[in-house]
Amino acid sequence: MAKEHDITFLKDITVKVTGEVGRTKKLFIEIITLKEGDILKLDKSTEDYVELYVKDQLFAVGELIVANDKYGIRVVDLA
């Protein structure tokens, strides 16, 4: 039988979590000439899973959702 560990001491630790919607490659000149209203095409569609990273390590994948007029990620699988 597995022994449960008390991890309550971790409850106040802050960890950086990043959700990656997609990526693109651009020339430097294209980046510095961007202006308000320009659109960058990403390598994923809106139906693709979003990757969640904890401290730059893949942690989970999820679906992009809108809840209360804010974007969120519903976790569907842990890495």
PDB file of N, CA and C in Angstrom:
ATOM      1  N   MET A   1       0.840  -1.181   0.000  1.00  0.00           N
ATOM      2  CA  MET A   1       0.000   0.000   0.000  1.00  0.00           C
ATOM      3  C   MET A   1       0.886   1.245   0.000  1.00  0.00           C
ATOM      4  N   ALA A   2       0.576   2.200  -0.878  1.00  0.00           N
ATOM      5  CA  ALA A   2       1.371   3.420  -0.989  1.00  0.00           C
ATOM      6  C   ALA A   2       1.121   4.319   0.215  1.00  0.00           C
ATOM      7  N   LYS A   3       2.187   4.896   0.719  1.00  0.00           N
ATOM      8  CA  LYS A   3       2.109   5.807   1.858  1.00  0.00           C
ATOM      9  C   LYS A   3       1.827   7.216   1.348  1.00  0.00           C
ATOM     10  N   GLU A   4       0.834   7.890   1.961  1.00  0.00           N
ATOM     11  CA  GLU A   4       0.537   9.271   1.576  1.00  0.00           C
ATOM     12  C   GLU A   4       1.542  10.203   2.219  1.00  0.00           C
ATOM     13  N   HIS A   5       1.962  11.209   1.461  1.00  0.00           N
ATOM     14  CA  HIS A   5       2.915  12.185   1.957  1.00  0.00           C
ATOM     15  C   HIS A   5       2.193  13.495   2.272  1.00  0.00           C
ATOM     16  N   ASP A   6       2.592  14.136   3.345  1.00  0.00           N
ATOM     17  CA  ASP A   6       2.031  15.427   3.711  1.00  0.00           C
ATOM     18  C   ASP A   6       2.764  16.509   2.921  1.00  0.00           C
ATOM     19  N   ILE A   7       2.068  17.106   1.965  1.00  0.00           N
ATOM     20  CA  ILE A   7       2.694  18.144   1.123  1.00  0.00           C
ATOM     21  C   ILE A   7       2.083  19.518   1.386  1.00  0.00           C
ATOM     22  N   THR A   8       1.393  19.682   2.517  1.00  0.00           N
ATOM     23  CA  THR A   8       0.760  20.964   2.816  1.00  0.00           C
ATOM     24  C   THR A   8       1.772  22.099   2.937  1.00  0.00           C
ATOM     25  N   PHE A   9       3.030  21.778   3.232  1.00  0.00           N
ATOM     26  CA  PHE A   9       4.053  22.816   3.327  1.00  0.00           C
ATOM     27  C   PHE A   9       4.329  23.481   1.974  1.00  0.00           C
ATOM     28  N   LEU A  10       3.865  22.888   0.887  1.00  0.00           N
ATOM     29  CA  LEU A  10       4.074  23.439  -0.457  1.00  0.00           C
ATOM     30  C   LEU A  10       2.984  24.426  -0.872  1.00  0.00           C
ATOM     31  N   LYS A  11       1.952  24.603  -0.052  1.00  0.00           N
ATOM     32  CA  LYS A  11       0.775  25.367  -0.469  1.00  0.00           C
ATOM     33  C   LYS A  11       1.037  26.841  -0.768  1.00  0.00           C
ATOM     34  N   ASP A  12       2.082  27.419  -0.218  1.00  0.00           N
ATOM     35  CA  ASP A  12       2.342  28.835  -0.429  1.00  0.00           C
ATOM     36  C   ASP A  12       3.447  29.113  -1.444  1.00  0.00           C
ATOM     37  N   ILE A  13       3.885  28.107  -2.172  1.00  0.00           N
ATOM     38  CA  ILE A  13       4.948  28.280  -3.158  1.00  0.00           C
ATOM     39  C   ILE A  13       4.336  28.742  -4.479  1.00  0.00           C
ATOM     40  N   THR A  14       4.896  29.799  -5.037  1.00  0.00           N
ATOM     41  CA  THR A  14       4.437  30.320  -6.324  1.00  0.00           C
ATOM     42  C   THR A  14       5.294  29.731  -7.437  1.00  0.00           C
ATOM     43  N   VAL A  15       4.633  29.251  -8.491  1.00  0.00           N
ATOM     44  CA  VAL A  15       5.319  28.640  -9.625  1.00  0.00           C
ATOM     45  C   VAL A  15       4.813  29.293 -10.902  1.00  0.00           C
ATOM     46  N   LYS A  16       5.720  29.601 -11.834  1.00  0.00           N
ATOM     47  CA  LYS A  16       5.340  30.188 -13.122  1.00  0.00           C
ATOM     48  C   LYS A  16       4.695  29.114 -14.000  1.00  0.00           C
ATOM     49  N   VAL A  17       3.487  29.391 -14.459  1.00  0.00           N
ATOM     50  CA  VAL A  17       2.764  28.494 -15.366  1.00  0.00           C
ATOM     51  C   VAL A  17       2.520  29.260 -16.660  1.00  0.00           C
ATOM     52  N   THR A  18       2.868  28.649 -17.791  1.00  0.00           N
ATOM     53  CA  THR A  18       2.724  29.286 -19.095  1.00  0.00           C
ATOM     54  C   THR A  18       1.846  28.423 -19.989  1.00  0.00           C
ATOM     55  N   GLY A  19       0.889  29.047 -20.660  1.00  0.00           N
ATOM     56  CA  GLY A  19       0.063  28.354 -21.644  1.00  0.00           C
ATOM     57  C   GLY A  19       0.502  28.782 -23.035  1.00  0.00           C
ATOM     58  N   GLU A  20       0.886  27.814 -23.853  1.00  0.00           N
ATOM     59  CA  GLU A  20       1.346  28.137 -25.205  1.00  0.00           C
ATOM     60  C   GLU A  20       0.257  27.828 -26.211  1.00  0.00           C
ATOM     61  N   VAL A  21      -0.208  28.878 -26.863  1.00  0.00           N
ATOM     62  CA  VAL A  21      -1.281  28.748 -27.844  1.00  0.00           C
ATOM     63  C   VAL A  21      -0.734  28.342 -29.205  1.00  0.00           C
ATOM     64  N   GLY A  22       0.471  28.782 -29.536  1.00  0.00           N
ATOM     65  CA  GLY A  22       1.082  28.446 -30.807  1.00  0.00           C
ATOM     66  C   GLY A  22       2.403  29.166 -30.962  1.00  0.00           C
ATOM     67  N   ARG A  23       3.085  28.873 -32.072  1.00  0.00           N
ATOM     68  CA  ARG A  23       4.382  29.480 -32.357  1.00  0.00           C
ATOM     69  C   ARG A  23       4.428  29.936 -33.806  1.00  0.00           C
ATOM     70  N   THR A  24       5.377  30.818 -34.058  1.00  0.00           N
ATOM     71  CA  THR A  24       5.653  31.250 -35.425  1.00  0.00           C
ATOM     72  C   THR A  24       7.106  31.691 -35.507  1.00  0.00           C
ATOM     73  N   LYS A  25       7.644  31.713 -36.699  1.00  0.00           N
ATOM     74  CA  LYS A  25       8.994  32.229 -36.931  1.00  0.00           C
ATOM     75  C   LYS A  25       8.887  33.427 -37.834  1.00  0.00           C
ATOM     76  N   LYS A  26       9.590  34.483 -37.450  1.00  0.00           N
ATOM     77  CA  LYS A  26       9.592  35.704 -38.243  1.00  0.00           C
ATOM     78  C   LYS A  26      11.013  36.227 -38.331  1.00  0.00           C
ATOM     79  N   LEU A  27      11.308  36.928 -39.416  1.00  0.00           N
ATOM     80  CA  LEU A  27      12.579  37.627 -39.529  1.00  0.00           C
ATOM     81  C   LEU A  27      12.571  38.796 -38.550  1.00  0.00           C
ATOM     82  N   PHE A  28      13.730  39.174 -38.078  1.00  0.00           N
ATOM     83  CA  PHE A  28      13.836  40.283 -37.138  1.00  0.00           C
ATOM     84  C   PHE A  28      13.208  41.550 -37.693  1.00  0.00           C
ATOM     85  N   ILE A  29      13.419  41.810 -38.954  1.00  0.00           N
ATOM     86  CA  ILE A  29      12.862  43.013 -39.577  1.00  0.00           C
ATOM     87  C   ILE A  29      11.332  42.988 -39.531  1.00  0.00           C
ATOM     88  N   GLU A  30      10.748  41.793 -39.642  1.00  0.00           N
ATOM     89  CA  GLU A  30       9.288  41.673 -39.561  1.00  0.00           C
ATOM     90  C   GLU A  30       8.795  41.967 -38.146  1.00  0.00           C
ATOM     91  N   ILE A  31       9.574  41.568 -37.158  1.00  0.00           N
ATOM     92  CA  ILE A  31       9.185  41.803 -35.766  1.00  0.00           C
ATOM     93  C   ILE A  31       9.244  43.291 -35.430  1.00  0.00           C
ATOM     94  N   ILE A  32      10.325  43.952 -35.815  1.00  0.00           N
ATOM     95  CA  ILE A  32      10.468  45.354 -35.425  1.00  0.00           C
ATOM     96  C   ILE A  32       9.566  46.293 -36.217  1.00  0.00           C
ATOM     97  N   THR A  33       8.996  45.789 -37.306  1.00  0.00           N
ATOM     98  CA  THR A  33       8.080  46.635 -38.074  1.00  0.00           C
ATOM     99  C   THR A  33       6.609  46.323 -37.767  1.00  0.00           C
ATOM    100  N   LEU A  34       6.353  45.473 -36.767  1.00  0.00           N
ATOM    101  CA  LEU A  34       4.967  45.189 -36.375  1.00  0.00           C
ATOM    102  C   LEU A  34       4.314  46.461 -35.860  1.00  0.00           C
ATOM    103  N   LYS A  35       3.033  46.577 -36.157  1.00  0.00           N
ATOM    104  CA  LYS A  35       2.291  47.716 -35.633  1.00  0.00           C
ATOM    105  C   LYS A  35       0.955  47.226 -35.079  1.00  0.00           C
ATOM    106  N   GLU A  36       0.335  48.071 -34.311  1.00  0.00           N
ATOM    107  CA  GLU A  36      -0.935  47.727 -33.691  1.00  0.00           C
ATOM    108  C   GLU A  36      -1.936  47.294 -34.758  1.00  0.00           C
ATOM    109  N   GLY A  37      -2.591  46.166 -34.511  1.00  0.00           N
ATOM    110  CA  GLY A  37      -3.576  45.641 -35.452  1.00  0.00           C
ATOM    111  C   GLY A  37      -3.036  44.564 -36.367  1.00  0.00           C
ATOM    112  N   ASP A  38      -1.700  44.418 -36.463  1.00  0.00           N
ATOM    113  CA  ASP A  38      -1.117  43.354 -37.277  1.00  0.00           C
ATOM    114  C   ASP A  38      -1.474  41.990 -36.689  1.00  0.00           C
ATOM    115  N   ILE A  39      -1.550  40.985 -37.525  1.00  0.00           N
ATOM    116  CA  ILE A  39      -1.903  39.634 -37.104  1.00  0.00           C
ATOM    117  C   ILE A  39      -0.732  38.703 -37.381  1.00  0.00           C
ATOM    118  N   LEU A  40      -0.367  37.926 -36.363  1.00  0.00           N
ATOM    119  CA  LEU A  40       0.665  36.898 -36.531  1.00  0.00           C
ATOM    120  C   LEU A  40      -0.032  35.549 -36.646  1.00  0.00           C
ATOM    121  N   LYS A  41       0.228  34.843 -37.738  1.00  0.00           N
ATOM    122  CA  LYS A  41      -0.347  33.511 -37.905  1.00  0.00           C
ATOM    123  C   LYS A  41       0.496  32.516 -37.117  1.00  0.00           C
ATOM    124  N   LEU A  42      -0.183  31.676 -36.341  1.00  0.00           N
ATOM    125  CA  LEU A  42       0.492  30.668 -35.527  1.00  0.00           C
ATOM    126  C   LEU A  42       0.388  29.305 -36.190  1.00  0.00           C
ATOM    127  N   ASP A  43       1.156  28.349 -35.661  1.00  0.00           N
ATOM    128  CA  ASP A  43       1.203  27.014 -36.255  1.00  0.00           C
ATOM    129  C   ASP A  43       0.087  26.089 -35.766  1.00  0.00           C
ATOM    130  N   LYS A  44      -0.859  26.610 -34.995  1.00  0.00           N
ATOM    131  CA  LYS A  44      -1.969  25.797 -34.481  1.00  0.00           C
ATOM    132  C   LYS A  44      -3.285  26.472 -34.812  1.00  0.00           C
ATOM    133  N   SER A  45      -4.330  25.651 -34.862  1.00  0.00           N
ATOM    134  CA  SER A  45      -5.670  26.211 -35.069  1.00  0.00           C
ATOM    135  C   SER A  45      -6.335  26.378 -33.699  1.00  0.00           C
ATOM    136  N   THR A  46      -7.476  27.034 -33.683  1.00  0.00           N
ATOM    137  CA  THR A  46      -8.172  27.276 -32.413  1.00  0.00           C
ATOM    138  C   THR A  46      -8.708  25.993 -31.780  1.00  0.00           C
ATOM    139  N   GLU A  47      -8.810  24.923 -32.555  1.00  0.00           N
ATOM    140  CA  GLU A  47      -9.302  23.658 -32.014  1.00  0.00           C
ATOM    141  C   GLU A  47      -8.185  22.782 -31.438  1.00  0.00           C
ATOM    142  N   ASP A  48      -6.932  23.125 -31.711  1.00  0.00           N
ATOM    143  CA  ASP A  48      -5.806  22.320 -31.218  1.00  0.00           C
ATOM    144  C   ASP A  48      -5.636  22.492 -29.716  1.00  0.00           C
ATOM    145  N   TYR A  49      -5.010  21.479 -29.114  1.00  0.00           N
ATOM    146  CA  TYR A  49      -4.719  21.554 -27.686  1.00  0.00           C
ATOM    147  C   TYR A  49      -3.684  22.632 -27.394  1.00  0.00           C
ATOM    148  N   VAL A  50      -3.788  23.206 -26.215  1.00  0.00           N
ATOM    149  CA  VAL A  50      -2.856  24.204 -25.709  1.00  0.00           C
ATOM    150  C   VAL A  50      -1.907  23.479 -24.757  1.00  0.00           C
ATOM    151  N   GLU A  51      -0.629  23.814 -24.819  1.00  0.00           N
ATOM    152  CA  GLU A  51       0.340  23.174 -23.933  1.00  0.00           C
ATOM    153  C   GLU A  51       0.551  24.039 -22.701  1.00  0.00           C
ATOM    154  N   LEU A  52       0.601  23.392 -21.539  1.00  0.00           N
ATOM    155  CA  LEU A  52       0.847  24.081 -20.278  1.00  0.00           C
ATOM    156  C   LEU A  52       2.234  23.712 -19.778  1.00  0.00           C
ATOM    157  N   TYR A  53       3.020  24.719 -19.471  1.00  0.00           N
ATOM    158  CA  TYR A  53       4.379  24.501 -18.982  1.00  0.00           C
ATOM    159  C   TYR A  53       4.487  25.013 -17.551  1.00  0.00           C
ATOM    160  N   VAL A  54       5.164  24.249 -16.710  1.00  0.00           N
ATOM    161  CA  VAL A  54       5.492  24.674 -15.353  1.00  0.00           C
ATOM    162  C   VAL A  54       7.003  24.762 -15.295  1.00  0.00           C
ATOM    163  N   LYS A  55       7.497  25.963 -15.028  1.00  0.00           N
ATOM    164  CA  LYS A  55       8.944  26.215 -15.005  1.00  0.00           C
ATOM    165  C   LYS A  55       9.599  25.711 -16.295  1.00  0.00           C
ATOM    166  N   ASP A  56       8.975  26.027 -17.420  1.00  0.00           N
ATOM    167  CA  ASP A  56       9.478  25.703 -18.763  1.00  0.00           C
ATOM    168  C   ASP A  56       9.515  24.215 -19.083  1.00  0.00           C
ATOM    169  N   GLN A  57       8.823  23.391 -18.297  1.00  0.00           N
ATOM    170  CA  GLN A  57       8.715  21.961 -18.573  1.00  0.00           C
ATOM    171  C   GLN A  57       7.259  21.636 -18.884  1.00  0.00           C
ATOM    172  N   LEU A  58       7.022  20.864 -19.974  1.00  0.00           N
ATOM    173  CA  LEU A  58       5.655  20.498 -20.330  1.00  0.00           C
ATOM    174  C   LEU A  58       5.015  19.748 -19.170  1.00  0.00           C
ATOM    175  N   PHE A  59       3.864  20.234 -18.728  1.00  0.00           N
ATOM    176  CA  PHE A  59       3.172  19.653 -17.581  1.00  0.00           C
ATOM    177  C   PHE A  59       1.835  19.030 -17.973  1.00  0.00           C
ATOM    178  N   ALA A  60       1.122  19.693 -18.891  1.00  0.00           N
ATOM    179  CA  ALA A  60      -0.209  19.212 -19.260  1.00  0.00           C
ATOM    180  C   ALA A  60      -0.611  19.790 -20.605  1.00  0.00           C
ATOM    181  N   VAL A  61      -1.686  19.240 -21.157  1.00  0.00           N
ATOM    182  CA  VAL A  61      -2.308  19.804 -22.351  1.00  0.00           C
ATOM    183  C   VAL A  61      -3.769  20.075 -22.033  1.00  0.00           C
ATOM    184  N   GLY A  62      -4.326  21.069 -22.701  1.00  0.00           N
ATOM    185  CA  GLY A  62      -5.707  21.407 -22.420  1.00  0.00           C
ATOM    186  C   GLY A  62      -6.363  22.088 -23.593  1.00  0.00           C
ATOM    187  N   GLU A  63      -7.601  22.486 -23.355  1.00  0.00           N
ATOM    188  CA  GLU A  63      -8.395  23.165 -24.368  1.00  0.00           C
ATOM    189  C   GLU A  63      -8.549  24.627 -23.975  1.00  0.00           C
ATOM    190  N   LEU A  64      -8.430  25.505 -24.938  1.00  0.00           N
ATOM    191  CA  LEU A  64      -8.631  26.926 -24.702  1.00  0.00           C
ATOM    192  C   LEU A  64     -10.120  27.181 -24.540  1.00  0.00           C
ATOM    193  N   ILE A  65     -10.504  27.872 -23.467  1.00  0.00           N
ATOM    194  CA  ILE A  65     -11.916  28.165 -23.214  1.00  0.00           C
ATOM    195  C   ILE A  65     -12.073  29.649 -22.871  1.00  0.00           C
ATOM    196  N   VAL A  66     -13.296  30.123 -22.934  1.00  0.00           N
ATOM    197  CA  VAL A  66     -13.627  31.463 -22.474  1.00  0.00           C
ATOM    198  C   VAL A  66     -14.621  31.299 -21.333  1.00  0.00           C
ATOM    199  N   ALA A  67     -14.284  31.872 -20.176  1.00  0.00           N
ATOM    200  CA  ALA A  67     -15.155  31.805 -19.005  1.00  0.00           C
ATOM    201  C   ALA A  67     -15.219  33.195 -18.385  1.00  0.00           C
ATOM    202  N   ASN A  68     -16.410  33.717 -18.218  1.00  0.00           N
ATOM    203  CA  ASN A  68     -16.602  35.058 -17.639  1.00  0.00           C
ATOM    204  C   ASN A  68     -15.781  36.111 -18.383  1.00  0.00           C
ATOM    205  N   ASP A  69     -15.812  36.053 -19.702  1.00  0.00           N
ATOM    206  CA  ASP A  69     -15.101  37.019 -20.562  1.00  0.00           C
ATOM    207  C   ASP A  69     -13.591  36.989 -20.396  1.00  0.00           C
ATOM    208  N   LYS A  70     -13.050  35.897 -19.888  1.00  0.00           N
ATOM    209  CA  LYS A  70     -11.595  35.734 -19.764  1.00  0.00           C
ATOM    210  C   LYS A  70     -11.217  34.396 -20.381  1.00  0.00           C
ATOM    211  N   TYR A  71      -9.992  34.341 -20.910  1.00  0.00           N
ATOM    212  CA  TYR A  71      -9.504  33.084 -21.466  1.00  0.00           C
ATOM    213  C   TYR A  71      -9.006  32.184 -20.349  1.00  0.00           C
ATOM    214  N   GLY A  72      -9.155  30.895 -20.557  1.00  0.00           N
ATOM    215  CA  GLY A  72      -8.671  29.907 -19.607  1.00  0.00           C
ATOM    216  C   GLY A  72      -8.274  28.647 -20.353  1.00  0.00           C
ATOM    217  N   ILE A  73      -7.712  27.703 -19.625  1.00  0.00           N
ATOM    218  CA  ILE A  73      -7.329  26.405 -20.191  1.00  0.00           C
ATOM    219  C   ILE A  73      -7.931  25.314 -19.334  1.00  0.00           C
ATOM    220  N   ARG A  74      -8.715  24.445 -19.972  1.00  0.00           N
ATOM    221  CA  ARG A  74      -9.263  23.268 -19.294  1.00  0.00           C
ATOM    222  C   ARG A  74      -8.280  22.122 -19.510  1.00  0.00           C
ATOM    223  N   VAL A  75      -7.696  21.630 -18.439  1.00  0.00           N
ATOM    224  CA  VAL A  75      -6.694  20.550 -18.524  1.00  0.00           C
ATOM    225  C   VAL A  75      -7.403  19.260 -18.934  1.00  0.00           C
ATOM    226  N   VAL A  76      -6.871  18.611 -19.976  1.00  0.00           N
ATOM    227  CA  VAL A  76      -7.448  17.347 -20.440  1.00  0.00           C
ATOM    228  C   VAL A  76      -6.494  16.166 -20.231  1.00  0.00           C
ATOM    229  N   ASP A  77      -5.205  16.435 -20.075  1.00  0.00           N
ATOM    230  CA  ASP A  77      -4.243  15.349 -19.866  1.00  0.00           C
ATOM    231  C   ASP A  77      -2.971  15.894 -19.242  1.00  0.00           C
ATOM    232  N   LEU A  78      -2.431  15.160 -18.293  1.00  0.00           N
ATOM    233  CA  LEU A  78      -1.148  15.525 -17.703  1.00  0.00           C
ATOM    234  C   LEU A  78      -0.035  14.867 -18.480  1.00  0.00           C
ATOM    235  N   ALA A  79       1.075  15.592 -18.658  1.00  0.00           N
ATOM    236  CA  ALA A  79       2.210  15.063 -19.423  1.00  0.00           C
ATOM    237  C   ALA A  79       2.930  13.997 -18.619  1.00  0.00           C
TER     238      ALA A  79
END
